[in-house]
Amino acid sequence: MLIALGIPNLIAVVMLLRPGENQYLAILGAGVLLLMWCGYELLYLFNVAAVGYFVVGAISVLFSVLLLRPAVEESA
């Protein structure tokens, strides 16, 4: 779980603190990994915490996509 969720989110936080070109892509990747992990848990081992983490992952992916779109349009 540390490799699948902890390290990508730690990398995303570090990239968010150091603004650059790929910071929102890192957040998007960490959010997608969180969604996949929680989706698997919800299919095979339903628990309430997985639902909460799934919602957090969905919000993370949504905001990273919304923030990524203007960054791509500005660089074009």
Foldseek 3Di string as FASTA:
>chain_A
DCVQAVVLVVVLVVCVVVDDLCNLVSLLNNLVSLLVVLVVCCVPPDDPVSVVSNVVSVVSNVVSVVVNVVSVVVVD
